[in-house]
Amino acid sequence: MTHNRRDMLTLAAAGLAASTVPAGAQEAKLKFGLIGQMLAQPGKRDELIGYLKEAVGEMPGCISYVIALDTANPDALWITEVWDSRESHMASLRLPAVRAAIVRARPIIAGLPQHFETVPVAGV
């Protein structure tokens, strides 16, 4: 698929997503969500979890940050995040604790094969 076609499909999907957000949520400030799969080097998943857990201290604007095991792949994790805004998420990447955890984790991260941005509208 060419970049132009993929870009058009991405824009169409974003437009569809925006049109399906409940009216009340459209009026309020929209939250920002991420769901991503992270692969550890073989046998390093638990070590990677440790680094990720170090980074989840004080993160202003973070509503939820969940690290979960992938039941189909012993080296994979799923990370689900909910933020009060995209800006809060971006700011978190500049926090010293988060930056330090990224530096320590980078050598054992084998890949980030999937990630999805979401607009959380309900939940606990």
PDB file of N, CA and C in Angstrom:
ATOM      1  N   MET A   1       0.853  -1.160   0.000  1.00  0.00           N
ATOM      2  CA  MET A   1       0.000   0.000   0.000  1.00  0.00           C
ATOM      3  C   MET A   1       0.904   1.230   0.000  1.00  0.00           C
ATOM      4  N   THR A   2       0.611   2.177  -0.841  1.00  0.00           N
ATOM      5  CA  THR A   2       1.430   3.382  -0.909  1.00  0.00           C
ATOM      6  C   THR A   2       1.186   4.251   0.303  1.00  0.00           C
ATOM      7  N   HIS A   3       2.139   5.151   0.563  1.00  0.00           N
ATOM      8  CA  HIS A   3       1.984   6.062   1.707  1.00  0.00           C
ATOM      9  C   HIS A   3       0.746   6.917   1.559  1.00  0.00           C
ATOM     10  N   ASN A   4       0.482   7.438   0.344  1.00  0.00           N
ATOM     11  CA  ASN A   4      -0.679   8.306   0.153  1.00  0.00           C
ATOM     12  C   ASN A   4      -1.974   7.574   0.473  1.00  0.00           C
ATOM     13  N   ARG A   5      -2.079   6.348  -0.006  1.00  0.00           N
ATOM     14  CA  ARG A   5      -3.297   5.578   0.255  1.00  0.00           C
ATOM     15  C   ARG A   5      -3.421   5.264   1.738  1.00  0.00           C
ATOM     16  N   ARG A   6      -2.303   4.884   2.368  1.00  0.00           N
ATOM     17  CA  ARG A   6      -2.313   4.579   3.794  1.00  0.00           C
ATOM     18  C   ARG A   6      -2.674   5.834   4.590  1.00  0.00           C
ATOM     19  N   ASP A   7      -2.112   6.986   4.191  1.00  0.00           N
ATOM     20  CA  ASP A   7      -2.439   8.238   4.869  1.00  0.00           C
ATOM     21  C   ASP A   7      -3.919   8.561   4.735  1.00  0.00           C
ATOM     22  N   MET A   8      -4.475   8.327   3.550  1.00  0.00           N
ATOM     23  CA  MET A   8      -5.899   8.606   3.328  1.00  0.00           C
ATOM     24  C   MET A   8      -6.746   7.685   4.199  1.00  0.00           C
ATOM     25  N   LEU A   9      -6.346   6.404   4.295  1.00  0.00           N
ATOM     26  CA  LEU A   9      -7.094   5.463   5.132  1.00  0.00           C
ATOM     27  C   LEU A   9      -7.002   5.857   6.597  1.00  0.00           C
ATOM     28  N   THR A  10      -5.822   6.303   7.022  1.00  0.00           N
ATOM     29  CA  THR A  10      -5.647   6.742   8.404  1.00  0.00           C
ATOM     30  C   THR A  10      -6.538   7.936   8.703  1.00  0.00           C
ATOM     31  N   LEU A  11      -6.563   8.910   7.785  1.00  0.00           N
ATOM     32  CA  LEU A  11      -7.417  10.081   7.976  1.00  0.00           C
ATOM     33  C   LEU A  11      -8.890   9.695   7.997  1.00  0.00           C
ATOM     34  N   ALA A  12      -9.270   8.774   7.120  1.00  0.00           N
ATOM     35  CA  ALA A  12     -10.669   8.330   7.087  1.00  0.00           C
ATOM     36  C   ALA A  12     -11.033   7.641   8.399  1.00  0.00           C
ATOM     37  N   ALA A  13     -10.124   6.798   8.912  1.00  0.00           N
ATOM     38  CA  ALA A  13     -10.391   6.101  10.178  1.00  0.00           C
ATOM     39  C   ALA A  13     -10.488   7.098  11.323  1.00  0.00           C
ATOM     40  N   ALA A  14      -9.624   8.108  11.328  1.00  0.00           N
ATOM     41  CA  ALA A  14      -9.676   9.122  12.379  1.00  0.00           C
ATOM     42  C   ALA A  14     -10.984   9.890  12.320  1.00  0.00           C
ATOM     43  N   GLY A  15     -11.435  10.210  11.109  1.00  0.00           N
ATOM     44  CA  GLY A  15     -12.710  10.905  10.952  1.00  0.00           C
ATOM     45  C   GLY A  15     -13.869  10.064  11.425  1.00  0.00           C
ATOM     46  N   LEU A  16     -13.841   8.780  11.100  1.00  0.00           N
ATOM     47  CA  LEU A  16     -14.887   7.873  11.545  1.00  0.00           C
ATOM     48  C   LEU A  16     -14.882   7.766  13.058  1.00  0.00           C
ATOM     49  N   ALA A  17     -13.687   7.643  13.652  1.00  0.00           N
ATOM     50  CA  ALA A  17     -13.586   7.546  15.111  1.00  0.00           C
ATOM     51  C   ALA A  17     -14.147   8.804  15.764  1.00  0.00           C
ATOM     52  N   ALA A  18     -13.811   9.964  15.214  1.00  0.00           N
ATOM     53  CA  ALA A  18     -14.306  11.211  15.786  1.00  0.00           C
ATOM     54  C   ALA A  18     -15.820  11.299  15.687  1.00  0.00           C
ATOM     55  N   SER A  19     -16.375  10.770  14.603  1.00  0.00           N
ATOM     56  CA  SER A  19     -17.824  10.858  14.430  1.00  0.00           C
ATOM     57  C   SER A  19     -18.563   9.877  15.324  1.00  0.00           C
ATOM     58  N   THR A  20     -17.858   8.864  15.853  1.00  0.00           N
ATOM     59  CA  THR A  20     -18.518   7.885  16.702  1.00  0.00           C
ATOM     60  C   THR A  20     -18.324   8.174  18.186  1.00  0.00           C
ATOM     61  N   VAL A  21     -17.551   9.210  18.526  1.00  0.00           N
ATOM     62  CA  VAL A  21     -17.388   9.601  19.922  1.00  0.00           C
ATOM     63  C   VAL A  21     -18.693  10.218  20.391  1.00  0.00           C
ATOM     64  N   PRO A  22     -19.235   9.777  21.528  1.00  0.00           N
ATOM     65  CA  PRO A  22     -20.492  10.337  22.016  1.00  0.00           C
ATOM     66  C   PRO A  22     -20.432  11.859  22.107  1.00  0.00           C
ATOM     67  N   ALA A  23     -21.560  12.511  21.842  1.00  0.00           N
ATOM     68  CA  ALA A  23     -21.621  13.972  21.812  1.00  0.00           C
ATOM     69  C   ALA A  23     -21.113  14.585  23.105  1.00  0.00           C
ATOM     70  N   GLY A  24     -21.457  14.030  24.248  1.00  0.00           N
ATOM     71  CA  GLY A  24     -20.998  14.559  25.531  1.00  0.00           C
ATOM     72  C   GLY A  24     -19.487  14.526  25.645  1.00  0.00           C
ATOM     73  N   ALA A  25     -18.865  13.464  25.120  1.00  0.00           N
ATOM     74  CA  ALA A  25     -17.412  13.352  25.182  1.00  0.00           C
ATOM     75  C   ALA A  25     -16.760  14.345  24.225  1.00  0.00           C
ATOM     76  N   GLN A  26     -17.427  14.646  23.107  1.00  0.00           N
ATOM     77  CA  GLN A  26     -16.867  15.606  22.166  1.00  0.00           C
ATOM     78  C   GLN A  26     -16.834  17.001  22.770  1.00  0.00           C
ATOM     79  N   GLU A  27     -17.823  17.332  23.585  1.00  0.00           N
ATOM     80  CA  GLU A  27     -17.874  18.653  24.197  1.00  0.00           C
ATOM     81  C   GLU A  27     -16.826  18.796  25.298  1.00  0.00           C
ATOM     82  N   ALA A  28     -16.593  17.748  26.062  1.00  0.00           N
ATOM     83  CA  ALA A  28     -15.601  17.776  27.128  1.00  0.00           C
ATOM     84  C   ALA A  28     -14.214  17.583  26.508  1.00  0.00           C
ATOM     85  N   LYS A  29     -13.185  17.896  27.278  1.00  0.00           N
ATOM     86  CA  LYS A  29     -11.827  17.670  26.801  1.00  0.00           C
ATOM     87  C   LYS A  29     -11.606  16.165  26.648  1.00  0.00           C
ATOM     88  N   LEU A  30     -11.200  15.750  25.464  1.00  0.00           N
ATOM     89  CA  LEU A  30     -11.012  14.330  25.202  1.00  0.00           C
ATOM     90  C   LEU A  30      -9.757  13.806  25.878  1.00  0.00           C
ATOM     91  N   LYS A  31      -9.862  12.610  26.388  1.00  0.00           N
ATOM     92  CA  LYS A  31      -8.714  11.936  26.970  1.00  0.00           C
ATOM     93  C   LYS A  31      -7.885  11.327  25.837  1.00  0.00           C
ATOM     94  N   PHE A  32      -6.692  10.875  26.180  1.00  0.00           N
ATOM     95  CA  PHE A  32      -5.795  10.272  25.204  1.00  0.00           C
ATOM     96  C   PHE A  32      -5.419   8.891  25.702  1.00  0.00           C
ATOM     97  N   GLY A  33      -5.511   7.895  24.838  1.00  0.00           N
ATOM     98  CA  GLY A  33      -5.163   6.539  25.223  1.00  0.00           C
ATOM     99  C   GLY A  33      -4.183   5.905  24.262  1.00  0.00           C
ATOM    100  N   LEU A  34      -3.414   4.989  24.778  1.00  0.00           N
ATOM    101  CA  LEU A  34      -2.483   4.192  23.984  1.00  0.00           C
ATOM    102  C   LEU A  34      -2.588   2.743  24.416  1.00  0.00           C
ATOM    103  N   ILE A  35      -2.557   1.868  23.446  1.00  0.00           N
ATOM    104  CA  ILE A  35      -2.461   0.433  23.711  1.00  0.00           C
ATOM    105  C   ILE A  35      -1.328  -0.056  22.813  1.00  0.00           C
ATOM    106  N   GLY A  36      -0.284  -0.623  23.415  1.00  0.00           N
ATOM    107  CA  GLY A  36       0.854  -1.039  22.615  1.00  0.00           C
ATOM    108  C   GLY A  36       1.434  -2.356  23.055  1.00  0.00           C
ATOM    109  N   GLN A  37       1.947  -3.081  22.079  1.00  0.00           N
ATOM    110  CA  GLN A  37       2.638  -4.333  22.359  1.00  0.00           C
ATOM    111  C   GLN A  37       4.135  -4.051  22.339  1.00  0.00           C
ATOM    112  N   MET A  38       4.833  -4.567  23.329  1.00  0.00           N
ATOM    113  CA  MET A  38       6.278  -4.406  23.414  1.00  0.00           C
ATOM    114  C   MET A  38       6.901  -5.787  23.524  1.00  0.00           C
ATOM    115  N   LEU A  39       7.925  -6.031  22.730  1.00  0.00           N
ATOM    116  CA  LEU A  39       8.626  -7.312  22.754  1.00  0.00           C
ATOM    117  C   LEU A  39       9.965  -7.157  23.463  1.00  0.00           C
ATOM    118  N   ALA A  40      10.237  -8.083  24.367  1.00  0.00           N
ATOM    119  CA  ALA A  40      11.533  -8.129  25.049  1.00  0.00           C
ATOM    120  C   ALA A  40      12.440  -9.104  24.311  1.00  0.00           C
ATOM    121  N   GLN A  41      13.739  -8.912  24.461  1.00  0.00           N
ATOM    122  CA  GLN A  41      14.675  -9.913  23.959  1.00  0.00           C
ATOM    123  C   GLN A  41      14.320 -11.238  24.634  1.00  0.00           C
ATOM    124  N   PRO A  42      14.543 -12.373  23.971  1.00  0.00           N
ATOM    125  CA  PRO A  42      14.164 -13.668  24.554  1.00  0.00           C
ATOM    126  C   PRO A  42      14.647 -13.828  25.995  1.00  0.00           C
ATOM    127  N   GLY A  43      13.697 -14.194  26.858  1.00  0.00           N
ATOM    128  CA  GLY A  43      14.002 -14.437  28.254  1.00  0.00           C
ATOM    129  C   GLY A  43      14.154 -13.183  29.111  1.00  0.00           C
ATOM    130  N   LYS A  44      13.911 -12.007  28.557  1.00  0.00           N
ATOM    131  CA  LYS A  44      14.139 -10.757  29.277  1.00  0.00           C
ATOM    132  C   LYS A  44      12.846 -10.024  29.652  1.00  0.00           C
ATOM    133  N   ARG A  45      11.700 -10.694  29.506  1.00  0.00           N
ATOM    134  CA  ARG A  45      10.427 -10.019  29.762  1.00  0.00           C
ATOM    135  C   ARG A  45      10.320  -9.521  31.206  1.00  0.00           C
ATOM    136  N   ASP A  46      10.685 -10.326  32.174  1.00  0.00           N
ATOM    137  CA  ASP A  46      10.570  -9.908  33.572  1.00  0.00           C
ATOM    138  C   ASP A  46      11.485  -8.720  33.873  1.00  0.00           C
ATOM    139  N   GLU A  47      12.681  -8.716  33.296  1.00  0.00           N
ATOM    140  CA  GLU A  47      13.586  -7.584  33.472  1.00  0.00           C
ATOM    141  C   GLU A  47      12.969  -6.317  32.869  1.00  0.00           C
ATOM    142  N   LEU A  48      12.364  -6.449  31.691  1.00  0.00           N
ATOM    143  CA  LEU A  48      11.718  -5.311  31.051  1.00  0.00           C
ATOM    144  C   LEU A  48      10.555  -4.788  31.903  1.00  0.00           C
ATOM    145  N   ILE A  49       9.783  -5.690  32.476  1.00  0.00           N
ATOM    146  CA  ILE A  49       8.690  -5.274  33.363  1.00  0.00           C
ATOM    147  C   ILE A  49       9.241  -4.441  34.516  1.00  0.00           C
ATOM    148  N   GLY A  50      10.370  -4.859  35.074  1.00  0.00           N
ATOM    149  CA  GLY A  50      10.979  -4.110  36.170  1.00  0.00           C
ATOM    150  C   GLY A  50      11.319  -2.688  35.769  1.00  0.00           C
ATOM    151  N   TYR A  51      11.889  -2.512  34.592  1.00  0.00           N
ATOM    152  CA  TYR A  51      12.221  -1.164  34.125  1.00  0.00           C
ATOM    153  C   TYR A  51      10.965  -0.331  33.908  1.00  0.00           C
ATOM    154  N   LEU A  52       9.943  -0.942  33.324  1.00  0.00           N
ATOM    155  CA  LEU A  52       8.701  -0.211  33.070  1.00  0.00           C
ATOM    156  C   LEU A  52       8.027   0.185  34.381  1.00  0.00           C
ATOM    157  N   LYS A  53       8.076  -0.697  35.376  1.00  0.00           N
ATOM    158  CA  LYS A  53       7.471  -0.380  36.673  1.00  0.00           C
ATOM    159  C   LYS A  53       8.181   0.776  37.359  1.00  0.00           C
ATOM    160  N   GLU A  54       9.492   0.906  37.154  1.00  0.00           N
ATOM    161  CA  GLU A  54      10.249   2.019  37.738  1.00  0.00           C
ATOM    162  C   GLU A  54       9.719   3.359  37.246  1.00  0.00           C
ATOM    163  N   ALA A  55       9.257   3.386  36.016  1.00  0.00           N
ATOM    164  CA  ALA A  55       8.866   4.645  35.375  1.00  0.00           C
ATOM    165  C   ALA A  55       7.446   5.077  35.717  1.00  0.00           C
ATOM    166  N   VAL A  56       6.684   4.268  36.426  1.00  0.00           N
ATOM    167  CA  VAL A  56       5.271   4.603  36.645  1.00  0.00           C
ATOM    168  C   VAL A  56       5.017   5.301  37.966  1.00  0.00           C
ATOM    169  N   GLY A  57       6.004   5.988  38.467  1.00  0.00           N
ATOM    170  CA  GLY A  57       5.811   6.770  39.687  1.00  0.00           C
ATOM    171  C   GLY A  57       4.891   7.947  39.416  1.00  0.00           C
ATOM    172  N   GLU A  58       5.332   9.112  39.792  1.00  0.00           N
ATOM    173  CA  GLU A  58       4.548  10.337  39.615  1.00  0.00           C
ATOM    174  C   GLU A  58       4.575  10.753  38.147  1.00  0.00           C
ATOM    175  N   MET A  59       3.436  10.614  37.465  1.00  0.00           N
ATOM    176  CA  MET A  59       3.311  11.038  36.075  1.00  0.00           C
ATOM    177  C   MET A  59       2.049  11.904  35.969  1.00  0.00           C
ATOM    178  N   PRO A  60       2.200  13.221  36.101  1.00  0.00           N
ATOM    179  CA  PRO A  60       1.032  14.108  36.051  1.00  0.00           C
ATOM    180  C   PRO A  60       0.188  13.879  34.797  1.00  0.00           C
ATOM    181  N   GLY A  61      -1.118  13.766  35.016  1.00  0.00           N
ATOM    182  CA  GLY A  61      -2.037  13.556  33.909  1.00  0.00           C
ATOM    183  C   GLY A  61      -2.310  12.099  33.580  1.00  0.00           C
ATOM    184  N   CYS A  62      -1.548  11.180  34.197  1.00  0.00           N
ATOM    185  CA  CYS A  62      -1.755   9.758  33.934  1.00  0.00           C
ATOM    186  C   CYS A  62      -2.933   9.266  34.767  1.00  0.00           C
ATOM    187  N   ILE A  63      -3.938   8.756  34.101  1.00  0.00           N
ATOM    188  CA  ILE A  63      -5.121   8.225  34.768  1.00  0.00           C
ATOM    189  C   ILE A  63      -4.958   6.726  35.012  1.00  0.00           C
ATOM    190  N   SER A  64      -4.331   6.049  34.055  1.00  0.00           N
ATOM    191  CA  SER A  64      -4.144   4.604  34.179  1.00  0.00           C
ATOM    192  C   SER A  64      -2.938   4.184  33.342  1.00  0.00           C
ATOM    193  N   TYR A  65      -2.114   3.289  33.905  1.00  0.00           N
ATOM    194  CA  TYR A  65      -0.954   2.743  33.201  1.00  0.00           C
ATOM    195  C   TYR A  65      -0.874   1.277  33.604  1.00  0.00           C
ATOM    196  N   VAL A  66      -1.208   0.386  32.693  1.00  0.00           N
ATOM    197  CA  VAL A  66      -1.282  -1.043  32.996  1.00  0.00           C
ATOM    198  C   VAL A  66      -0.290  -1.801  32.121  1.00  0.00           C
ATOM    199  N   ILE A  67       0.545  -2.613  32.756  1.00  0.00           N
ATOM    200  CA  ILE A  67       1.478  -3.491  32.069  1.00  0.00           C
ATOM    201  C   ILE A  67       0.921  -4.899  32.207  1.00  0.00           C
ATOM    202  N   ALA A  68       0.697  -5.580  31.082  1.00  0.00           N
ATOM    203  CA  ALA A  68       0.092  -6.915  31.114  1.00  0.00           C
ATOM    204  C   ALA A  68       0.924  -7.907  30.302  1.00  0.00           C
ATOM    205  N   LEU A  69       0.923  -9.151  30.760  1.00  0.00           N
ATOM    206  CA  LEU A  69       1.593 -10.222  30.032  1.00  0.00           C
ATOM    207  C   LEU A  69       0.771 -10.608  28.817  1.00  0.00           C
ATOM    208  N   ASP A  70       1.446 -10.907  27.729  1.00  0.00           N
ATOM    209  CA  ASP A  70       0.792 -11.442  26.531  1.00  0.00           C
ATOM    210  C   ASP A  70       0.736 -12.959  26.713  1.00  0.00           C
ATOM    211  N   THR A  71      -0.451 -13.523  26.724  1.00  0.00           N
ATOM    212  CA  THR A  71      -0.590 -14.959  26.984  1.00  0.00           C
ATOM    213  C   THR A  71      -0.144 -15.828  25.806  1.00  0.00           C
ATOM    214  N   ALA A  72       0.009 -15.238  24.629  1.00  0.00           N
ATOM    215  CA  ALA A  72       0.399 -16.014  23.456  1.00  0.00           C
ATOM    216  C   ALA A  72       1.894 -15.949  23.157  1.00  0.00           C
ATOM    217  N   ASN A  73       2.617 -15.019  23.799  1.00  0.00           N
ATOM    218  CA  ASN A  73       4.028 -14.843  23.495  1.00  0.00           C
ATOM    219  C   ASN A  73       4.774 -14.588  24.814  1.00  0.00           C
ATOM    220  N   PRO A  74       5.667 -15.479  25.204  1.00  0.00           N
ATOM    221  CA  PRO A  74       6.356 -15.335  26.497  1.00  0.00           C
ATOM    222  C   PRO A  74       7.335 -14.162  26.559  1.00  0.00           C
ATOM    223  N   ASP A  75       7.579 -13.493  25.445  1.00  0.00           N
ATOM    224  CA  ASP A  75       8.481 -12.351  25.439  1.00  0.00           C
ATOM    225  C   ASP A  75       7.751 -11.033  25.180  1.00  0.00           C
ATOM    226  N   ALA A  76       6.415 -11.068  25.184  1.00  0.00           N
ATOM    227  CA  ALA A  76       5.642  -9.873  24.840  1.00  0.00           C
ATOM    228  C   ALA A  76       4.845  -9.331  26.018  1.00  0.00           C
ATOM    229  N   LEU A  77       4.665  -8.023  25.980  1.00  0.00           N
ATOM    230  CA  LEU A  77       3.842  -7.303  26.956  1.00  0.00           C
ATOM    231  C   LEU A  77       2.844  -6.443  26.204  1.00  0.00           C
ATOM    232  N   TRP A  78       1.759  -6.116  26.875  1.00  0.00           N
ATOM    233  CA  TRP A  78       0.814  -5.117  26.384  1.00  0.00           C
ATOM    234  C   TRP A  78       0.775  -4.008  27.413  1.00  0.00           C
ATOM    235  N   ILE A  79       0.882  -2.779  26.949  1.00  0.00           N
ATOM    236  CA  ILE A  79       0.833  -1.621  27.836  1.00  0.00           C
ATOM    237  C   ILE A  79      -0.375  -0.791  27.432  1.00  0.00           C
ATOM    238  N   THR A  80      -1.251  -0.534  28.402  1.00  0.00           N
ATOM    239  CA  THR A  80      -2.459   0.247  28.165  1.00  0.00           C
ATOM    240  C   THR A  80      -2.380   1.505  29.026  1.00  0.00           C
ATOM    241  N   GLU A  81      -2.481   2.659  28.377  1.00  0.00           N
ATOM    242  CA  GLU A  81      -2.343   3.932  29.073  1.00  0.00           C
ATOM    243  C   GLU A  81      -3.568   4.805  28.813  1.00  0.00           C
ATOM    244  N   VAL A  82      -4.000   5.530  29.833  1.00  0.00           N
ATOM    245  CA  VAL A  82      -5.040   6.545  29.690  1.00  0.00           C
ATOM    246  C   VAL A  82      -4.502   7.820  30.328  1.00  0.00           C
ATOM    247  N   TRP A  83      -4.563   8.901  29.563  1.00  0.00           N
ATOM    248  CA  TRP A  83      -4.040  10.204  29.985  1.00  0.00           C
ATOM    249  C   TRP A  83      -5.140  11.239  29.876  1.00  0.00           C
ATOM    250  N   ASP A  84      -5.006  12.307  30.669  1.00  0.00           N
ATOM    251  CA  ASP A  84      -5.990  13.385  30.567  1.00  0.00           C
ATOM    252  C   ASP A  84      -5.846  14.149  29.252  1.00  0.00           C
ATOM    253  N   SER A  85      -4.668  14.019  28.590  1.00  0.00           N
ATOM    254  CA  SER A  85      -4.467  14.670  27.292  1.00  0.00           C
ATOM    255  C   SER A  85      -3.226  14.099  26.621  1.00  0.00           C
ATOM    256  N   ARG A  86      -3.129  14.297  25.332  1.00  0.00           N
ATOM    257  CA  ARG A  86      -1.929  13.899  24.583  1.00  0.00           C
ATOM    258  C   ARG A  86      -0.712  14.670  25.115  1.00  0.00           C
ATOM    259  N   GLU A  87      -0.926  15.926  25.474  1.00  0.00           N
ATOM    260  CA  GLU A  87       0.166  16.756  25.975  1.00  0.00           C
ATOM    261  C   GLU A  87       0.757  16.194  27.273  1.00  0.00           C
ATOM    262  N   SER A  88      -0.095  15.691  28.162  1.00  0.00           N
ATOM    263  CA  SER A  88       0.404  15.087  29.403  1.00  0.00           C
ATOM    264  C   SER A  88       1.244  13.859  29.101  1.00  0.00           C
ATOM    265  N   HIS A  89       0.799  13.066  28.136  1.00  0.00           N
ATOM    266  CA  HIS A  89       1.576  11.887  27.754  1.00  0.00           C
ATOM    267  C   HIS A  89       2.944  12.297  27.224  1.00  0.00           C
ATOM    268  N   MET A  90       2.976  13.271  26.332  1.00  0.00           N
ATOM    269  CA  MET A  90       4.246  13.727  25.770  1.00  0.00           C
ATOM    270  C   MET A  90       5.157  14.297  26.865  1.00  0.00           C
ATOM    271  N   ALA A  91       4.584  15.036  27.804  1.00  0.00           N
ATOM    272  CA  ALA A  91       5.371  15.601  28.905  1.00  0.00           C
ATOM    273  C   ALA A  91       5.973  14.496  29.769  1.00  0.00           C
ATOM    274  N   SER A  92       5.263  13.384  29.911  1.00  0.00           N
ATOM    275  CA  SER A  92       5.775  12.290  30.746  1.00  0.00           C
ATOM    276  C   SER A  92       7.065  11.720  30.178  1.00  0.00           C
ATOM    277  N   LEU A  93       7.225  11.783  28.877  1.00  0.00           N
ATOM    278  CA  LEU A  93       8.430  11.237  28.244  1.00  0.00           C
ATOM    279  C   LEU A  93       9.668  12.086  28.532  1.00  0.00           C
ATOM    280  N   ARG A  94       9.461  13.264  29.088  1.00  0.00           N
ATOM    281  CA  ARG A  94      10.575  14.141  29.460  1.00  0.00           C
ATOM    282  C   ARG A  94      10.916  14.055  30.955  1.00  0.00           C
ATOM    283  N   LEU A  95      10.133  13.310  31.722  1.00  0.00           N
ATOM    284  CA  LEU A  95      10.405  13.174  33.154  1.00  0.00           C
ATOM    285  C   LEU A  95      11.707  12.400  33.369  1.00  0.00           C
ATOM    286  N   PRO A  96      12.554  12.826  34.306  1.00  0.00           N
ATOM    287  CA  PRO A  96      13.833  12.147  34.530  1.00  0.00           C
ATOM    288  C   PRO A  96      13.690  10.641  34.804  1.00  0.00           C
ATOM    289  N   ALA A  97      12.719  10.244  35.608  1.00  0.00           N
ATOM    290  CA  ALA A  97      12.555   8.813  35.923  1.00  0.00           C
ATOM    291  C   ALA A  97      12.154   8.015  34.677  1.00  0.00           C
ATOM    292  N   VAL A  98      11.306   8.589  33.855  1.00  0.00           N
ATOM    293  CA  VAL A  98      10.877   7.901  32.632  1.00  0.00           C
ATOM    294  C   VAL A  98      12.044   7.815  31.657  1.00  0.00           C
ATOM    295  N   ARG A  99      12.768   8.894  31.489  1.00  0.00           N
ATOM    296  CA  ARG A  99      13.924   8.898  30.579  1.00  0.00           C
ATOM    297  C   ARG A  99      14.973   7.876  31.021  1.00  0.00           C
ATOM    298  N   ALA A 100      15.223   7.800  32.325  1.00  0.00           N
ATOM    299  CA  ALA A 100      16.203   6.842  32.842  1.00  0.00           C
ATOM    300  C   ALA A 100      15.745   5.409  32.598  1.00  0.00           C
ATOM    301  N   ALA A 101      14.467   5.135  32.805  1.00  0.00           N
ATOM    302  CA  ALA A 101      13.938   3.784  32.570  1.00  0.00           C
ATOM    303  C   ALA A 101      14.043   3.414  31.095  1.00  0.00           C
ATOM    304  N   ILE A 102      13.774   4.369  30.213  1.00  0.00           N
ATOM    305  CA  ILE A 102      13.880   4.100  28.774  1.00  0.00           C
ATOM    306  C   ILE A 102      15.317   3.748  28.405  1.00  0.00           C
ATOM    307  N   VAL A 103      16.271   4.488  28.944  1.00  0.00           N
ATOM    308  CA  VAL A 103      17.689   4.219  28.655  1.00  0.00           C
ATOM    309  C   VAL A 103      18.064   2.810  29.109  1.00  0.00           C
ATOM    310  N   ARG A 104      17.614   2.411  30.310  1.00  0.00           N
ATOM    311  CA  ARG A 104      17.953   1.070  30.826  1.00  0.00           C
ATOM    312  C   ARG A 104      17.234  -0.036  30.049  1.00  0.00           C
ATOM    313  N   ALA A 105      16.008   0.239  29.621  1.00  0.00           N
ATOM    314  CA  ALA A 105      15.211  -0.795  28.949  1.00  0.00           C
ATOM    315  C   ALA A 105      15.570  -0.964  27.480  1.00  0.00           C
ATOM    316  N   ARG A 106      15.998   0.096  26.839  1.00  0.00           N
ATOM    317  CA  ARG A 106      16.222   0.064  25.380  1.00  0.00           C
ATOM    318  C   ARG A 106      17.024  -1.148  24.899  1.00  0.00           C
ATOM    319  N   PRO A 107      18.131  -1.549  25.557  1.00  0.00           N
ATOM    320  CA  PRO A 107      18.910  -2.684  25.043  1.00  0.00           C
ATOM    321  C   PRO A 107      18.162  -4.018  25.040  1.00  0.00           C
ATOM    322  N   ILE A 108      17.120  -4.153  25.865  1.00  0.00           N
ATOM    323  CA  ILE A 108      16.417  -5.439  25.887  1.00  0.00           C
ATOM    324  C   ILE A 108      15.047  -5.377  25.205  1.00  0.00           C
ATOM    325  N   ILE A 109      14.726  -4.249  24.592  1.00  0.00           N
ATOM    326  CA  ILE A 109      13.482  -4.156  23.826  1.00  0.00           C
ATOM    327  C   ILE A 109      13.755  -4.668  22.416  1.00  0.00           C
ATOM    328  N   ALA A 110      13.046  -5.717  22.038  1.00  0.00           N
ATOM    329  CA  ALA A 110      13.236  -6.324  20.723  1.00  0.00           C
ATOM    330  C   ALA A 110      12.331  -5.692  19.667  1.00  0.00           C
ATOM    331  N   GLY A 111      11.314  -4.986  20.101  1.00  0.00           N
ATOM    332  CA  GLY A 111      10.447  -4.351  19.118  1.00  0.00           C
ATOM    333  C   GLY A 111       9.167  -3.835  19.732  1.00  0.00           C
ATOM    334  N   LEU A 112       8.502  -2.998  18.969  1.00  0.00           N
ATOM    335  CA  LEU A 112       7.202  -2.431  19.324  1.00  0.00           C
ATOM    336  C   LEU A 112       6.286  -2.662  18.121  1.00  0.00           C
ATOM    337  N   PRO A 113       5.863  -3.908  17.912  1.00  0.00           N
ATOM    338  CA  PRO A 113       5.188  -4.243  16.656  1.00  0.00           C
ATOM    339  C   PRO A 113       3.792  -3.645  16.458  1.00  0.00           C
ATOM    340  N   GLN A 114       3.105  -3.322  17.538  1.00  0.00           N
ATOM    341  CA  GLN A 114       1.754  -2.802  17.399  1.00  0.00           C
ATOM    342  C   GLN A 114       1.508  -1.709  18.423  1.00  0.00           C
ATOM    343  N   HIS A 115       0.830  -0.658  17.974  1.00  0.00           N
ATOM    344  CA  HIS A 115       0.342   0.328  18.927  1.00  0.00           C
ATOM    345  C   HIS A 115      -0.868   1.028  18.323  1.00  0.00           C
ATOM    346  N   PHE A 116      -1.758   1.397  19.192  1.00  0.00           N
ATOM    347  CA  PHE A 116      -3.012   2.021  18.774  1.00  0.00           C
ATOM    348  C   PHE A 116      -3.277   3.222  19.662  1.00  0.00           C
ATOM    349  N   GLU A 117      -3.604   4.345  19.064  1.00  0.00           N
ATOM    350  CA  GLU A 117      -4.046   5.494  19.831  1.00  0.00           C
ATOM    351  C   GLU A 117      -5.567   5.391  19.970  1.00  0.00           C
ATOM    352  N   THR A 118      -6.060   5.747  21.150  1.00  0.00           N
ATOM    353  CA  THR A 118      -7.496   5.653  21.408  1.00  0.00           C
ATOM    354  C   THR A 118      -8.009   6.936  22.030  1.00  0.00           C
ATOM    355  N   VAL A 119      -9.325   7.066  22.061  1.00  0.00           N
ATOM    356  CA  VAL A 119      -9.991   8.160  22.747  1.00  0.00           C
ATOM    357  C   VAL A 119     -10.881   7.519  23.815  1.00  0.00           C
ATOM    358  N   PRO A 120     -10.379   7.373  25.046  1.00  0.00           N
ATOM    359  CA  PRO A 120     -11.190   6.770  26.100  1.00  0.00           C
ATOM    360  C   PRO A 120     -12.436   7.628  26.382  1.00  0.00           C
ATOM    361  N   VAL A 121     -13.586   6.962  26.462  1.00  0.00           N
ATOM    362  CA  VAL A 121     -14.835   7.688  26.705  1.00  0.00           C
ATOM    363  C   VAL A 121     -15.588   7.179  27.935  1.00  0.00           C
ATOM    364  N   ALA A 122     -15.230   6.001  28.448  1.00  0.00           N
ATOM    365  CA  ALA A 122     -15.915   5.467  29.625  1.00  0.00           C
ATOM    366  C   ALA A 122     -15.023   4.386  30.248  1.00  0.00           C
ATOM    367  N   GLY A 123     -15.250   4.104  31.501  1.00  0.00           N
ATOM    368  CA  GLY A 123     -14.509   3.039  32.163  1.00  0.00           C
ATOM    369  C   GLY A 123     -14.300   3.338  33.634  1.00  0.00           C
ATOM    370  N   VAL A 124     -13.642   2.393  34.302  1.00  0.00           N
ATOM    371  CA  VAL A 124     -13.336   2.563  35.722  1.00  0.00           C
ATOM    372  C   VAL A 124     -11.857   2.420  35.929  1.00  0.00           C
TER     373      VAL A 124
END
